[in-house]
Amino acid sequence: MNDDEERSVDAAVEGELRLLDPAVRALPHMVSELLDPEFFEFGASGARYDRTTILSAIAPSSIERVTATGISELSGKLLAPGLVQVTYVSDESGRLARRSSLWRRTAEGWRLYFHQGTLISTE
């Protein structure tokens, strides 16, 4: 991987980690800076979310307590110039999910374009 490719992967991974930070997730304006205008997600629950839905869900009045999410198996891969996939396993109080995010470079910087979570069966 050349330096530009490595910087791209690092930027996407950094963005993903920022979105997982409870201090960032508690502030809609900070999350807004990281989400692409066309963002959408297939949640581990099976529900489909868009940017507006996510930002509404984290509005200060709707947040009771944002907790830290444990992560493992974190990796990033450049798929094409300006497009990076970040994958990891999340642990939210014992609820494990495989996660995949697509980050794309825009004029404003790296933005999360797509995210999917799939629950891991513990049975």
N, C-alpha and C. Protein backbone atom coordinates (compact mmCIF):
# COMPACT_ATOMS: atom_id res chain seq x y z
N MET A 1 0.85 -1.17 0.00
CA MET A 1 0.00 0.00 0.00
C MET A 1 0.90 1.24 0.00
N ASN A 2 0.60 2.20 -0.90
CA ASN A 2 1.41 3.42 -0.93
C ASN A 2 0.93 4.40 0.15
N ASP A 3 1.65 5.50 0.30
CA ASP A 3 1.34 6.46 1.38
C ASP A 3 -0.06 7.04 1.27
N ASP A 4 -0.51 7.37 0.05
CA ASP A 4 -1.84 7.95 -0.14
C ASP A 4 -2.92 6.93 0.23
N GLU A 5 -2.73 5.68 -0.16
CA GLU A 5 -3.68 4.63 0.18
C GLU A 5 -3.74 4.43 1.69
N GLU A 6 -2.57 4.43 2.32
CA GLU A 6 -2.50 4.26 3.77
C GLU A 6 -3.17 5.42 4.49
N ARG A 7 -2.97 6.65 4.02
CA ARG A 7 -3.63 7.82 4.62
C ARG A 7 -5.15 7.71 4.47
N SER A 8 -5.61 7.22 3.33
CA SER A 8 -7.05 7.05 3.12
C SER A 8 -7.64 6.06 4.11
N VAL A 9 -6.99 4.91 4.26
CA VAL A 9 -7.47 3.91 5.21
C VAL A 9 -7.43 4.46 6.63
N ASP A 10 -6.34 5.13 7.00
CA ASP A 10 -6.22 5.70 8.34
C ASP A 10 -7.33 6.72 8.61
N ALA A 11 -7.65 7.55 7.62
CA ALA A 11 -8.70 8.56 7.79
C ALA A 11 -10.06 7.92 8.01
N ALA A 12 -10.36 6.87 7.26
CA ALA A 12 -11.64 6.18 7.43
C ALA A 12 -11.72 5.49 8.78
N VAL A 13 -10.66 4.82 9.19
CA VAL A 13 -10.64 4.15 10.50
C VAL A 13 -10.78 5.19 11.61
N GLU A 14 -10.09 6.31 11.47
CA GLU A 14 -10.21 7.38 12.47
C GLU A 14 -11.65 7.89 12.55
N GLY A 15 -12.29 8.07 11.41
CA GLY A 15 -13.69 8.51 11.40
C GLY A 15 -14.60 7.51 12.09
N GLU A 16 -14.38 6.24 11.81
CA GLU A 16 -15.19 5.18 12.44
C GLU A 16 -15.02 5.22 13.96
N LEU A 17 -13.79 5.34 14.41
CA LEU A 17 -13.52 5.38 15.85
C LEU A 17 -14.14 6.62 16.48
N ARG A 18 -14.14 7.73 15.77
CA ARG A 18 -14.80 8.93 16.30
C ARG A 18 -16.29 8.70 16.47
N LEU A 19 -16.91 8.03 15.49
CA LEU A 19 -18.35 7.76 15.60
C LEU A 19 -18.67 6.80 16.75
N LEU A 20 -17.72 5.98 17.13
CA LEU A 20 -17.92 5.07 18.25
C LEU A 20 -17.66 5.72 19.61
N ASP A 21 -17.08 6.90 19.60
CA ASP A 21 -16.74 7.62 20.83
C ASP A 21 -18.03 8.18 21.45
N PRO A 22 -18.35 7.79 22.69
CA PRO A 22 -19.59 8.30 23.30
C PRO A 22 -19.67 9.83 23.34
N ALA A 23 -18.55 10.51 23.49
CA ALA A 23 -18.56 11.98 23.53
C ALA A 23 -18.98 12.55 22.18
N VAL A 24 -18.61 11.91 21.09
CA VAL A 24 -19.00 12.35 19.75
C VAL A 24 -20.45 11.95 19.48
N ARG A 25 -20.80 10.71 19.81
CA ARG A 25 -22.16 10.21 19.54
C ARG A 25 -23.23 11.00 20.28
N ALA A 26 -22.86 11.66 21.36
CA ALA A 26 -23.82 12.44 22.13
C ALA A 26 -24.10 13.81 21.53
N LEU A 27 -23.34 14.20 20.49
CA LEU A 27 -23.47 15.55 19.92
C LEU A 27 -23.85 15.46 18.44
N PRO A 28 -25.10 15.71 18.12
CA PRO A 28 -25.54 15.59 16.73
C PRO A 28 -24.69 16.37 15.73
N HIS A 29 -24.22 17.57 16.09
CA HIS A 29 -23.43 18.34 15.12
C HIS A 29 -22.11 17.65 14.81
N MET A 30 -21.53 16.92 15.77
CA MET A 30 -20.29 16.21 15.50
C MET A 30 -20.55 14.98 14.62
N VAL A 31 -21.64 14.28 14.90
CA VAL A 31 -22.00 13.12 14.07
C VAL A 31 -22.32 13.59 12.66
N SER A 32 -23.02 14.69 12.55
CA SER A 32 -23.39 15.24 11.24
C SER A 32 -22.18 15.49 10.36
N GLU A 33 -21.08 15.94 10.96
CA GLU A 33 -19.85 16.20 10.21
C GLU A 33 -19.24 14.93 9.63
N LEU A 34 -19.58 13.78 10.19
CA LEU A 34 -18.99 12.52 9.76
C LEU A 34 -19.89 11.72 8.82
N LEU A 35 -21.18 12.07 8.75
CA LEU A 35 -22.11 11.33 7.89
C LEU A 35 -22.26 11.99 6.53
N ASP A 36 -22.16 11.19 5.50
CA ASP A 36 -22.38 11.65 4.14
C ASP A 36 -23.84 12.09 4.00
N PRO A 37 -24.14 13.09 3.18
CA PRO A 37 -25.54 13.48 2.98
C PRO A 37 -26.42 12.32 2.49
N GLU A 38 -25.83 11.35 1.80
CA GLU A 38 -26.58 10.20 1.28
C GLU A 38 -26.46 8.97 2.18
N PHE A 39 -25.98 9.15 3.41
CA PHE A 39 -25.77 8.03 4.33
C PHE A 39 -27.03 7.20 4.51
N PHE A 40 -26.83 5.86 4.58
CA PHE A 40 -27.87 4.96 5.03
C PHE A 40 -27.24 3.76 5.71
N GLU A 41 -28.05 3.08 6.51
CA GLU A 41 -27.57 1.97 7.32
C GLU A 41 -28.60 0.87 7.39
N PHE A 42 -28.12 -0.37 7.39
CA PHE A 42 -28.93 -1.52 7.74
C PHE A 42 -28.45 -1.94 9.12
N GLY A 43 -29.24 -1.66 10.14
CA GLY A 43 -28.83 -1.93 11.50
C GLY A 43 -28.86 -3.41 11.84
N ALA A 44 -28.20 -3.75 12.94
CA ALA A 44 -28.18 -5.14 13.41
C ALA A 44 -29.60 -5.61 13.73
N SER A 45 -30.50 -4.67 13.97
CA SER A 45 -31.91 -5.00 14.24
C SER A 45 -32.67 -5.37 12.97
N GLY A 46 -32.07 -5.08 11.83
CA GLY A 46 -32.73 -5.31 10.55
C GLY A 46 -33.40 -4.05 10.01
N ALA A 47 -33.45 -3.00 10.81
CA ALA A 47 -34.08 -1.75 10.38
C ALA A 47 -33.16 -0.98 9.43
N ARG A 48 -33.77 -0.16 8.56
CA ARG A 48 -33.02 0.70 7.66
C ARG A 48 -33.10 2.12 8.21
N TYR A 49 -31.96 2.78 8.27
CA TYR A 49 -31.88 4.14 8.77
C TYR A 49 -31.25 5.03 7.71
N ASP A 50 -31.60 6.32 7.75
CA ASP A 50 -30.92 7.29 6.91
C ASP A 50 -30.31 8.37 7.81
N ARG A 51 -29.68 9.32 7.20
CA ARG A 51 -28.97 10.36 7.96
C ARG A 51 -29.92 11.11 8.90
N THR A 52 -31.07 11.49 8.39
CA THR A 52 -32.04 12.23 9.20
C THR A 52 -32.50 11.42 10.39
N THR A 53 -32.78 10.14 10.19
CA THR A 53 -33.23 9.27 11.27
C THR A 53 -32.16 9.15 12.35
N ILE A 54 -30.91 8.96 11.93
CA ILE A 54 -29.82 8.82 12.90
C ILE A 54 -29.64 10.11 13.69
N LEU A 55 -29.62 11.24 13.00
CA LEU A 55 -29.42 12.52 13.70
C LEU A 55 -30.58 12.83 14.65
N SER A 56 -31.80 12.46 14.28
CA SER A 56 -32.95 12.66 15.17
C SER A 56 -32.85 11.77 16.40
N ALA A 57 -32.36 10.54 16.20
CA ALA A 57 -32.27 9.59 17.31
C ALA A 57 -31.24 10.01 18.35
N ILE A 58 -30.26 10.81 17.95
CA ILE A 58 -29.24 11.24 18.91
C ILE A 58 -29.42 12.68 19.35
N ALA A 59 -30.56 13.25 19.03
CA ALA A 59 -30.82 14.62 19.50
C ALA A 59 -30.67 14.64 21.01
N PRO A 60 -30.12 15.72 21.57
CA PRO A 60 -29.85 15.77 23.01
C PRO A 60 -31.03 15.35 23.89
N SER A 61 -32.24 15.68 23.50
CA SER A 61 -33.39 15.34 24.33
C SER A 61 -33.69 13.84 24.30
N SER A 62 -33.17 13.13 23.29
CA SER A 62 -33.49 11.70 23.19
C SER A 62 -32.41 10.81 23.77
N ILE A 63 -31.32 11.39 24.20
CA ILE A 63 -30.20 10.59 24.70
C ILE A 63 -30.31 10.46 26.22
N GLU A 64 -30.43 9.23 26.67
CA GLU A 64 -30.44 9.00 28.11
C GLU A 64 -29.00 8.80 28.60
N ARG A 65 -28.31 7.90 27.95
CA ARG A 65 -26.93 7.62 28.34
C ARG A 65 -26.24 6.93 27.18
N VAL A 66 -25.17 7.50 26.71
CA VAL A 66 -24.41 6.89 25.63
C VAL A 66 -23.25 6.13 26.26
N THR A 67 -23.18 4.84 25.96
CA THR A 67 -22.12 4.02 26.54
C THR A 67 -21.07 3.69 25.48
N ALA A 68 -19.90 3.33 25.97
CA ALA A 68 -18.81 2.95 25.07
C ALA A 68 -19.11 1.61 24.41
N THR A 69 -18.68 1.48 23.18
CA THR A 69 -18.81 0.24 22.44
C THR A 69 -17.43 -0.40 22.34
N GLY A 70 -17.34 -1.67 22.74
CA GLY A 70 -16.09 -2.39 22.59
C GLY A 70 -15.92 -2.81 21.14
N ILE A 71 -14.69 -2.79 20.66
CA ILE A 71 -14.44 -3.22 19.29
C ILE A 71 -13.25 -4.17 19.24
N SER A 72 -13.32 -5.09 18.28
CA SER A 72 -12.21 -6.00 18.02
C SER A 72 -12.19 -6.28 16.52
N GLU A 73 -11.12 -6.90 16.07
CA GLU A 73 -10.96 -7.28 14.67
C GLU A 73 -11.11 -6.09 13.71
N LEU A 74 -10.66 -4.92 14.14
CA LEU A 74 -10.77 -3.70 13.33
C LEU A 74 -9.78 -3.74 12.17
N SER A 75 -10.30 -3.50 10.96
CA SER A 75 -9.41 -3.40 9.80
C SER A 75 -10.04 -2.48 8.76
N GLY A 76 -9.18 -1.95 7.90
CA GLY A 76 -9.62 -1.09 6.82
C GLY A 76 -8.98 -1.52 5.52
N LYS A 77 -9.71 -1.34 4.43
CA LYS A 77 -9.20 -1.73 3.11
C LYS A 77 -9.64 -0.71 2.07
N LEU A 78 -8.68 -0.23 1.30
CA LEU A 78 -8.99 0.67 0.20
C LEU A 78 -9.62 -0.15 -0.92
N LEU A 79 -10.86 0.18 -1.30
CA LEU A 79 -11.56 -0.54 -2.36
C LEU A 79 -11.36 0.12 -3.72
N ALA A 80 -11.23 1.42 -3.71
CA ALA A 80 -11.02 2.22 -4.93
C ALA A 80 -10.56 3.59 -4.45
N PRO A 81 -9.98 4.39 -5.33
CA PRO A 81 -9.58 5.73 -4.89
C PRO A 81 -10.79 6.46 -4.28
N GLY A 82 -10.62 6.94 -3.05
CA GLY A 82 -11.69 7.67 -2.38
C GLY A 82 -12.76 6.80 -1.75
N LEU A 83 -12.55 5.48 -1.65
CA LEU A 83 -13.54 4.58 -1.06
C LEU A 83 -12.84 3.53 -0.20
N VAL A 84 -13.16 3.53 1.10
CA VAL A 84 -12.54 2.62 2.06
C VAL A 84 -13.62 1.84 2.80
N GLN A 85 -13.39 0.54 2.97
CA GLN A 85 -14.26 -0.29 3.79
C GLN A 85 -13.58 -0.52 5.14
N VAL A 86 -14.33 -0.30 6.21
CA VAL A 86 -13.86 -0.56 7.57
C VAL A 86 -14.74 -1.67 8.13
N THR A 87 -14.11 -2.71 8.69
CA THR A 87 -14.86 -3.81 9.30
C THR A 87 -14.36 -4.02 10.73
N TYR A 88 -15.26 -4.51 11.57
CA TYR A 88 -14.91 -4.81 12.96
C TYR A 88 -16.05 -5.57 13.61
N VAL A 89 -15.79 -6.06 14.82
CA VAL A 89 -16.81 -6.67 15.65
C VAL A 89 -17.08 -5.70 16.80
N SER A 90 -18.36 -5.40 17.01
CA SER A 90 -18.73 -4.52 18.12
C SER A 90 -19.28 -5.35 19.27
N ASP A 91 -19.07 -4.84 20.47
CA ASP A 91 -19.60 -5.47 21.68
C ASP A 91 -20.28 -4.39 22.49
N GLU A 92 -21.60 -4.45 22.50
CA GLU A 92 -22.39 -3.48 23.27
C GLU A 92 -23.06 -4.24 24.41
N SER A 93 -22.38 -4.27 25.53
CA SER A 93 -22.88 -4.98 26.72
C SER A 93 -23.19 -6.44 26.43
N GLY A 94 -22.30 -7.11 25.70
CA GLY A 94 -22.46 -8.53 25.38
C GLY A 94 -23.22 -8.81 24.09
N ARG A 95 -23.77 -7.78 23.46
CA ARG A 95 -24.47 -7.93 22.17
C ARG A 95 -23.42 -7.74 21.07
N LEU A 96 -23.00 -8.86 20.46
CA LEU A 96 -21.95 -8.82 19.46
C LEU A 96 -22.52 -8.70 18.05
N ALA A 97 -21.84 -7.90 17.22
CA ALA A 97 -22.26 -7.75 15.83
C ALA A 97 -21.04 -7.55 14.95
N ARG A 98 -21.09 -8.14 13.76
CA ARG A 98 -20.08 -7.85 12.73
C ARG A 98 -20.55 -6.58 12.03
N ARG A 99 -19.62 -5.67 11.82
CA ARG A 99 -19.97 -4.38 11.24
C ARG A 99 -19.09 -4.07 10.04
N SER A 100 -19.70 -3.40 9.08
CA SER A 100 -19.01 -3.00 7.86
C SER A 100 -19.45 -1.59 7.50
N SER A 101 -18.48 -0.74 7.24
CA SER A 101 -18.76 0.65 6.87
C SER A 101 -18.04 1.00 5.59
N LEU A 102 -18.69 1.80 4.76
CA LEU A 102 -18.05 2.35 3.56
C LEU A 102 -17.89 3.84 3.76
N TRP A 103 -16.65 4.28 3.66
CA TRP A 103 -16.31 5.69 3.80
C TRP A 103 -15.87 6.22 2.44
N ARG A 104 -16.38 7.39 2.09
CA ARG A 104 -15.94 7.98 0.82
C ARG A 104 -15.42 9.39 1.05
N ARG A 105 -14.41 9.71 0.25
CA ARG A 105 -13.80 11.04 0.33
C ARG A 105 -14.69 12.03 -0.42
N THR A 106 -14.98 13.15 0.21
CA THR A 106 -15.77 14.21 -0.41
C THR A 106 -14.95 15.49 -0.35
N ALA A 107 -15.49 16.54 -0.90
CA ALA A 107 -14.81 17.84 -0.84
C ALA A 107 -14.64 18.31 0.60
N GLU A 108 -15.52 17.86 1.50
CA GLU A 108 -15.46 18.24 2.91
C GLU A 108 -14.59 17.30 3.73
N GLY A 109 -14.15 16.20 3.17
CA GLY A 109 -13.35 15.21 3.89
C GLY A 109 -13.99 13.84 3.81
N TRP A 110 -13.54 12.93 4.65
CA TRP A 110 -14.06 11.56 4.67
C TRP A 110 -15.40 11.52 5.38
N ARG A 111 -16.39 10.89 4.73
CA ARG A 111 -17.74 10.80 5.28
C ARG A 111 -18.22 9.35 5.20
N LEU A 112 -18.97 8.94 6.22
CA LEU A 112 -19.55 7.60 6.24
C LEU A 112 -20.73 7.57 5.28
N TYR A 113 -20.64 6.71 4.27
CA TYR A 113 -21.68 6.60 3.24
C TYR A 113 -22.66 5.48 3.57
N PHE A 114 -22.15 4.33 4.06
CA PHE A 114 -23.00 3.17 4.31
C PHE A 114 -22.47 2.40 5.51
N HIS A 115 -23.38 1.84 6.29
CA HIS A 115 -23.00 1.01 7.43
C HIS A 115 -23.98 -0.15 7.55
N GLN A 116 -23.44 -1.32 7.91
CA GLN A 116 -24.30 -2.48 8.16
C GLN A 116 -23.80 -3.21 9.39
N GLY A 117 -24.73 -3.64 10.23
CA GLY A 117 -24.42 -4.46 11.38
C GLY A 117 -25.20 -5.77 11.29
N THR A 118 -24.53 -6.88 11.59
CA THR A 118 -25.16 -8.19 11.58
C THR A 118 -24.85 -8.87 12.92
N LEU A 119 -25.91 -9.21 13.65
CA LEU A 119 -25.71 -9.84 14.95
C LEU A 119 -24.98 -11.15 14.83
N ILE A 120 -24.15 -11.41 15.83
CA ILE A 120 -23.43 -12.69 15.93
C ILE A 120 -24.16 -13.55 16.94
N SER A 121 -24.59 -14.70 16.51
CA SER A 121 -25.28 -15.62 17.39
C SER A 121 -24.30 -16.18 18.41
N THR A 122 -24.69 -16.16 19.67
CA THR A 122 -23.84 -16.70 20.73
C THR A 122 -24.29 -18.08 21.16
N GLU A 123 -25.23 -18.65 20.45
CA GLU A 123 -25.75 -19.99 20.79
C GLU A 123 -24.88 -21.07 20.22
